[in-house]
Structures are given as structure tokens and as C-alpha cells.
Amino acid sequence: MPQDIKAAIAEATRALLLDRHVKKLTVKEIVEQCHITRQTFYYHFEDIPALFRWMIERDEDKVLQQVLAQGDLEAGLRSFFVMAIHLMPSIHRGLDSNYAPELEQLLHQYARKFLAKAAAQLNLRLNCTPEEFGIILRYHSNAILGLLREWTEEDTEHLDEIVHTITGLLLKGLPLMDTPE
């Protein structure tokens, strides 16, 4: 039963952000939307950022498995982008709310965590120290989130080319031009 209540709270929050375009999200609005008491909300979640964390974590493993089921990095990355494009309206509404800093931080944390898990499960072994690997994860997660933040309809039309380029960057690094001597 608690998972059902948590899911109802998450759905009410999504509805507030997407359907009603709430900018200043409050617990009062969430509990009214899903017809529960404040006490019930706080029984399940410490605060609204904890609710956002739960919403992201709930789907994290499912998304990772769907991406890995594609068989290779490029197909998996394409699957990830398709899912991310589908979720963008919810994410943008969340970033337009009064919880933008907390949600932004969560997205960065989970993007790094997601890339680390994907690299481990795809056996992408990098010849680097753990510190260097951490920097690489930060770099790529920020780059992917930056692309998604500025995503356009034209980008969607060129999704396969974009994914191919990103896959090359992840596997081979930046192509360097010859420097004149």
C-alpha cells in the first residue's frame, strides 16, 4: 500500500507541474491534488526534494535496463535520449518551479550515476584513475544534460546523427585537428 500512496503523490505532483503549470509547488497543493493529509505526505517523504529523488530513483534501474537491453552503446544511448525527450516536459516544468536548484542537482547526480552504471555494465574499461573517471563522468553528464536542456525539434529530426557523434566522443574522445608546425 505505501508504494501505491507514493505513486499517487508522485502522479499528483506531475499533474500539478504539467497540467496546472504550478510554479510555486507546495505540499498543501500536492496533498489537495491527491486527497491525502499533510501527515500522510510527510510519512512517506521528508520534503518535496525527497519526493523528486524518489521519482527519479523509482525509474532509474528500469531505464538502465531498457538502455542496456539495446545491445550496444549507440543503440542504448539512442534509447536513453528517446526516453529523456519524452520526459523533458516534466523536467522543464520542475525546473520552472520553486524547486529548480534541488531538481537540477538531482539530475546531475543521477546522470553521473547512470553513466557510471552503464559504463560498468557495458564493460567500458577506461585507462584512467578513479579521480580521472569521476571527472570524465562529470564532463559527459553535464554535456548530455546541456544538450537536453537546449533540445529542439530539429535535434529530434537528427537524433541518430547526434547519438552517433556522442557515442564517438564517449568511446574515442574528441577528434583533434592536425596542428601546423
C-alpha atoms as a PDB file:
ATOM      1  CA  MET A   1       0.000   0.000   0.000  1.00  0.00           C
ATOM      2  CA  PRO A   2       2.718   2.616   0.781  1.00  0.00           C
ATOM      3  CA  GLN A   3       4.142   2.271  -2.741  1.00  0.00           C
ATOM      4  CA  ASP A   4       0.681   2.995  -4.136  1.00  0.00           C
ATOM      5  CA  ILE A   5       0.412   6.113  -1.984  1.00  0.00           C
ATOM      6  CA  LYS A   6       3.900   7.200  -3.018  1.00  0.00           C
ATOM      7  CA  ALA A   7       2.976   6.677  -6.655  1.00  0.00           C
ATOM      8  CA  ALA A   8      -0.243   8.670  -6.148  1.00  0.00           C
ATOM      9  CA  ILE A   9       1.736  11.518  -4.587  1.00  0.00           C
ATOM     10  CA  ALA A  10       4.199  11.421  -7.490  1.00  0.00           C
ATOM     11  CA  GLU A  11       1.357  11.444 -10.034  1.00  0.00           C
ATOM     12  CA  ALA A  12      -0.317  14.367  -8.254  1.00  0.00           C
ATOM     13  CA  THR A  13       2.961  16.282  -8.373  1.00  0.00           C
ATOM     14  CA  ARG A  14       3.376  15.527 -12.072  1.00  0.00           C
ATOM     15  CA  ALA A  15      -0.183  16.679 -12.728  1.00  0.00           C
ATOM     16  CA  LEU A  16       0.394  19.912 -10.833  1.00  0.00           C
ATOM     17  CA  LEU A  17       3.556  20.669 -12.780  1.00  0.00           C
ATOM     18  CA  LEU A  18       2.352  19.579 -16.239  1.00  0.00           C
ATOM     19  CA  ASP A  19      -1.396  20.058 -16.293  1.00  0.00           C
ATOM     20  CA  ARG A  20      -1.834  23.006 -13.964  1.00  0.00           C
ATOM     21  CA  HIS A  21       1.580  24.617 -14.644  1.00  0.00           C
ATOM     22  CA  VAL A  22       2.188  25.314 -10.956  1.00  0.00           C
ATOM     23  CA  LYS A  23       5.343  27.397 -10.461  1.00  0.00           C
ATOM     24  CA  LYS A  24       5.398  27.511  -6.648  1.00  0.00           C
ATOM     25  CA  LEU A  25       4.878  23.868  -5.740  1.00  0.00           C
ATOM     26  CA  THR A  26       3.792  23.310  -2.140  1.00  0.00           C
ATOM     27  CA  VAL A  27       2.939  20.299  -0.004  1.00  0.00           C
ATOM     28  CA  LYS A  28      -0.516  21.828   0.508  1.00  0.00           C
ATOM     29  CA  GLU A  29      -1.188  21.728  -3.243  1.00  0.00           C
ATOM     30  CA  ILE A  30       0.142  18.170  -3.559  1.00  0.00           C
ATOM     31  CA  VAL A  31      -1.988  16.786  -0.709  1.00  0.00           C
ATOM     32  CA  GLU A  32      -5.085  18.560  -2.042  1.00  0.00           C
ATOM     33  CA  GLN A  33      -4.411  17.186  -5.535  1.00  0.00           C
ATOM     34  CA  CYS A  34      -4.178  13.566  -4.337  1.00  0.00           C
ATOM     35  CA  HIS A  35      -6.697  13.872  -1.465  1.00  0.00           C
ATOM     36  CA  ILE A  36      -4.424  12.888   1.412  1.00  0.00           C
ATOM     37  CA  THR A  37      -3.379  14.625   4.606  1.00  0.00           C
ATOM     38  CA  ARG A  38      -0.135  16.506   5.144  1.00  0.00           C
ATOM     39  CA  GLN A  39       0.666  13.861   7.730  1.00  0.00           C
ATOM     40  CA  THR A  40       0.408  11.167   5.043  1.00  0.00           C
ATOM     41  CA  PHE A  41       2.711  13.131   2.742  1.00  0.00           C
ATOM     42  CA  TYR A  42       5.316  13.566   5.499  1.00  0.00           C
ATOM     43  CA  TYR A  43       5.017   9.929   6.480  1.00  0.00           C
ATOM     44  CA  HIS A  44       6.273   8.977   3.018  1.00  0.00           C
ATOM     45  CA  PHE A  45       8.551  11.917   2.155  1.00  0.00           C
ATOM     46  CA  GLU A  46      10.683  14.268   4.232  1.00  0.00           C
ATOM     47  CA  ASP A  47      10.022  17.129   1.804  1.00  0.00           C
ATOM     48  CA  ILE A  48       9.408  17.867  -1.867  1.00  0.00           C
ATOM     49  CA  PRO A  49      13.064  17.333  -2.916  1.00  0.00           C
ATOM     50  CA  ALA A  50      12.859  13.864  -1.293  1.00  0.00           C
ATOM     51  CA  LEU A  51       9.762  13.243  -3.438  1.00  0.00           C
ATOM     52  CA  PHE A  52      11.713  14.262  -6.573  1.00  0.00           C
ATOM     53  CA  ARG A  53      14.558  11.927  -5.518  1.00  0.00           C
ATOM     54  CA  TRP A  54      12.107   9.041  -5.120  1.00  0.00           C
ATOM     55  CA  MET A  55      10.528   9.755  -8.504  1.00  0.00           C
ATOM     56  CA  ILE A  56      13.925   9.642 -10.222  1.00  0.00           C
ATOM     57  CA  GLU A  57      15.174   6.589  -8.305  1.00  0.00           C
ATOM     58  CA  ARG A  58      11.941   4.679  -8.948  1.00  0.00           C
ATOM     59  CA  ASP A  59      12.606   4.619 -12.677  1.00  0.00           C
ATOM     60  CA  GLU A  60      16.416   4.627 -12.676  1.00  0.00           C
ATOM     61  CA  ASP A  61      17.001   0.861 -12.817  1.00  0.00           C
ATOM     62  CA  LYS A  62      14.166   0.336 -15.294  1.00  0.00           C
ATOM     63  CA  VAL A  63      15.635   2.970 -17.620  1.00  0.00           C
ATOM     64  CA  LEU A  64      19.134   1.500 -17.257  1.00  0.00           C
ATOM     65  CA  GLN A  65      17.881  -1.995 -18.112  1.00  0.00           C
ATOM     66  CA  GLN A  66      15.998  -0.680 -21.153  1.00  0.00           C
ATOM     67  CA  VAL A  67      19.122   1.106 -22.348  1.00  0.00           C
ATOM     68  CA  LEU A  68      21.387  -1.899 -21.792  1.00  0.00           C
ATOM     69  CA  ALA A  69      18.898  -4.243 -23.478  1.00  0.00           C
ATOM     70  CA  GLN A  70      19.617  -2.472 -26.785  1.00  0.00           C
ATOM     71  CA  GLY A  71      22.838  -4.454 -27.088  1.00  0.00           C
ATOM     72  CA  ASP A  72      25.423  -1.770 -27.781  1.00  0.00           C
ATOM     73  CA  LEU A  73      26.356   1.685 -26.580  1.00  0.00           C
ATOM     74  CA  GLU A  74      24.986   3.627 -29.533  1.00  0.00           C
ATOM     75  CA  ALA A  75      21.595   1.880 -29.536  1.00  0.00           C
ATOM     76  CA  GLY A  76      21.428   2.231 -25.755  1.00  0.00           C
ATOM     77  CA  LEU A  77      22.303   5.916 -25.912  1.00  0.00           C
ATOM     78  CA  ARG A  78      19.609   6.443 -28.534  1.00  0.00           C
ATOM     79  CA  SER A  79      17.091   4.698 -26.267  1.00  0.00           C
ATOM     80  CA  PHE A  80      18.186   6.953 -23.382  1.00  0.00           C
ATOM     81  CA  PHE A  81      17.709  10.082 -25.496  1.00  0.00           C
ATOM     82  CA  VAL A  82      14.272   8.967 -26.668  1.00  0.00           C
ATOM     83  CA  MET A  83      13.198   8.455 -23.034  1.00  0.00           C
ATOM     84  CA  ALA A  84      14.749  11.771 -21.986  1.00  0.00           C
ATOM     85  CA  ILE A  85      12.997  13.635 -24.810  1.00  0.00           C
ATOM     86  CA  HIS A  86       9.711  12.099 -23.673  1.00  0.00           C
ATOM     87  CA  LEU A  87      10.332  13.224 -20.064  1.00  0.00           C
ATOM     88  CA  MET A  88      11.522  16.740 -20.943  1.00  0.00           C
ATOM     89  CA  PRO A  89       8.157  18.464 -20.444  1.00  0.00           C
ATOM     90  CA  SER A  90       8.013  17.152 -16.863  1.00  0.00           C
ATOM     91  CA  ILE A  91      11.622  18.085 -16.197  1.00  0.00           C
ATOM     92  CA  HIS A  92      11.237  21.582 -17.651  1.00  0.00           C
ATOM     93  CA  ARG A  93       8.129  22.179 -15.523  1.00  0.00           C
ATOM     94  CA  GLY A  94      10.040  21.029 -12.459  1.00  0.00           C
ATOM     95  CA  LEU A  95      12.912  23.347 -13.348  1.00  0.00           C
ATOM     96  CA  ASP A  96      10.419  26.202 -13.704  1.00  0.00           C
ATOM     97  CA  SER A  97       9.156  25.599 -10.168  1.00  0.00           C
ATOM     98  CA  ASN A  98      10.473  26.925  -6.885  1.00  0.00           C
ATOM     99  CA  TYR A  99      12.469  23.668  -6.535  1.00  0.00           C
ATOM    100  CA  ALA A 100      14.681  24.229  -9.579  1.00  0.00           C
ATOM    101  CA  PRO A 101      18.041  24.208  -7.706  1.00  0.00           C
ATOM    102  CA  GLU A 102      17.246  20.956  -5.898  1.00  0.00           C
ATOM    103  CA  LEU A 103      15.957  19.267  -9.059  1.00  0.00           C
ATOM    104  CA  GLU A 104      18.942  20.473 -11.096  1.00  0.00           C
ATOM    105  CA  GLN A 105      21.322  18.987  -8.505  1.00  0.00           C
ATOM    106  CA  LEU A 106      19.406  15.684  -8.515  1.00  0.00           C
ATOM    107  CA  LEU A 107      19.502  15.479 -12.308  1.00  0.00           C
ATOM    108  CA  HIS A 108      23.272  15.962 -12.303  1.00  0.00           C
ATOM    109  CA  GLN A 109      23.766  13.349  -9.565  1.00  0.00           C
ATOM    110  CA  TYR A 110      21.643  10.760 -11.328  1.00  0.00           C
ATOM    111  CA  ALA A 111      23.102  11.460 -14.769  1.00  0.00           C
ATOM    112  CA  ARG A 112      26.608  10.733 -13.382  1.00  0.00           C
ATOM    113  CA  LYS A 113      25.352   7.683 -11.511  1.00  0.00           C
ATOM    114  CA  PHE A 114      23.542   6.437 -14.624  1.00  0.00           C
ATOM    115  CA  LEU A 115      26.627   6.834 -16.843  1.00  0.00           C
ATOM    116  CA  ALA A 116      28.809   5.086 -14.238  1.00  0.00           C
ATOM    117  CA  LYS A 117      26.417   2.116 -14.053  1.00  0.00           C
ATOM    118  CA  ALA A 118      26.119   1.946 -17.838  1.00  0.00           C
ATOM    119  CA  ALA A 119      29.922   2.031 -18.248  1.00  0.00           C
ATOM    120  CA  ALA A 120      30.317  -0.751 -15.676  1.00  0.00           C
ATOM    121  CA  GLN A 121      27.614  -2.967 -17.192  1.00  0.00           C
ATOM    122  CA  LEU A 122      28.863  -2.410 -20.757  1.00  0.00           C
ATOM    123  CA  ASN A 123      32.417  -3.205 -19.590  1.00  0.00           C
ATOM    124  CA  LEU A 124      33.760   0.083 -20.889  1.00  0.00           C
ATOM    125  CA  ARG A 125      37.155  -0.032 -19.278  1.00  0.00           C
ATOM    126  CA  LEU A 126      38.950   3.265 -19.265  1.00  0.00           C
ATOM    127  CA  ASN A 127      42.659   3.533 -18.772  1.00  0.00           C
ATOM    128  CA  CYS A 128      42.416   6.155 -16.043  1.00  0.00           C
ATOM    129  CA  THR A 129      42.441   6.661 -12.288  1.00  0.00           C
ATOM    130  CA  PRO A 130      39.196   6.753 -10.283  1.00  0.00           C
ATOM    131  CA  GLU A 131      39.654  10.524  -9.952  1.00  0.00           C
ATOM    132  CA  GLU A 132      40.015  10.914 -13.715  1.00  0.00           C
ATOM    133  CA  PHE A 133      36.972   8.671 -14.235  1.00  0.00           C
ATOM    134  CA  GLY A 134      34.978  10.941 -11.899  1.00  0.00           C
ATOM    135  CA  ILE A 135      35.939  13.984 -13.963  1.00  0.00           C
ATOM    136  CA  ILE A 136      35.040  12.161 -17.189  1.00  0.00           C
ATOM    137  CA  LEU A 137      31.620  11.253 -15.737  1.00  0.00           C
ATOM    138  CA  ARG A 138      31.018  14.851 -14.646  1.00  0.00           C
ATOM    139  CA  TYR A 139      32.044  16.131 -18.064  1.00  0.00           C
ATOM    140  CA  HIS A 140      29.845  13.773 -20.063  1.00  0.00           C
ATOM    141  CA  SER A 141      26.808  14.010 -17.759  1.00  0.00           C
ATOM    142  CA  ASN A 142      26.947  17.818 -17.881  1.00  0.00           C
ATOM    143  CA  ALA A 143      27.365  17.727 -21.658  1.00  0.00           C
ATOM    144  CA  ILE A 144      24.376  15.413 -22.141  1.00  0.00           C
ATOM    145  CA  LEU A 145      22.195  17.406 -19.731  1.00  0.00           C
ATOM    146  CA  GLY A 146      23.242  20.603 -21.510  1.00  0.00           C
ATOM    147  CA  LEU A 147      22.229  19.150 -24.869  1.00  0.00           C
ATOM    148  CA  LEU A 148      18.881  18.048 -23.480  1.00  0.00           C
ATOM    149  CA  ARG A 149      18.274  21.427 -21.832  1.00  0.00           C
ATOM    150  CA  GLU A 150      18.584  23.154 -25.221  1.00  0.00           C
ATOM    151  CA  TRP A 151      16.959  20.361 -27.267  1.00  0.00           C
ATOM    152  CA  THR A 152      14.926  21.406 -30.303  1.00  0.00           C
ATOM    153  CA  GLU A 153      12.573  19.758 -32.769  1.00  0.00           C
ATOM    154  CA  GLU A 154      15.402  19.925 -35.319  1.00  0.00           C
ATOM    155  CA  ASP A 155      17.592  17.958 -32.914  1.00  0.00           C
ATOM    156  CA  THR A 156      14.900  15.288 -32.711  1.00  0.00           C
ATOM    157  CA  GLU A 157      14.918  15.060 -36.517  1.00  0.00           C
ATOM    158  CA  HIS A 158      18.707  14.489 -36.374  1.00  0.00           C
ATOM    159  CA  LEU A 159      18.674  12.219 -33.317  1.00  0.00           C
ATOM    160  CA  ASP A 160      20.596   9.368 -34.958  1.00  0.00           C
ATOM    161  CA  GLU A 161      23.410  11.680 -36.098  1.00  0.00           C
ATOM    162  CA  ILE A 162      23.632  13.321 -32.672  1.00  0.00           C
ATOM    163  CA  VAL A 163      23.731   9.954 -30.902  1.00  0.00           C
ATOM    164  CA  HIS A 164      26.400   8.709 -33.301  1.00  0.00           C
ATOM    165  CA  THR A 165      28.551  11.781 -32.578  1.00  0.00           C
ATOM    166  CA  ILE A 166      28.112  11.416 -28.806  1.00  0.00           C
ATOM    167  CA  THR A 167      28.969   7.715 -28.978  1.00  0.00           C
ATOM    168  CA  GLY A 168      32.185   8.607 -30.796  1.00  0.00           C
ATOM    169  CA  LEU A 169      33.013  11.195 -28.136  1.00  0.00           C
ATOM    170  CA  LEU A 170      32.380   8.689 -25.356  1.00  0.00           C
ATOM    171  CA  LEU A 171      34.456   5.935 -26.945  1.00  0.00           C
ATOM    172  CA  LYS A 172      37.193   7.789 -28.805  1.00  0.00           C
ATOM    173  CA  GLY A 173      37.295  11.295 -27.348  1.00  0.00           C
ATOM    174  CA  LEU A 174      37.486  14.473 -29.317  1.00  0.00           C
ATOM    175  CA  PRO A 175      38.895  14.242 -32.830  1.00  0.00           C
ATOM    176  CA  LEU A 176      41.892  16.546 -32.903  1.00  0.00           C
ATOM    177  CA  MET A 177      42.911  18.565 -35.915  1.00  0.00           C
ATOM    178  CA  ASP A 178      46.495  18.429 -37.074  1.00  0.00           C
ATOM    179  CA  THR A 179      48.403  21.447 -35.843  1.00  0.00           C
ATOM    180  CA  PRO A 180      50.705  23.270 -38.229  1.00  0.00           C
ATOM    181  CA  GLU A 181      54.352  23.002 -37.336  1.00  0.00           C
END
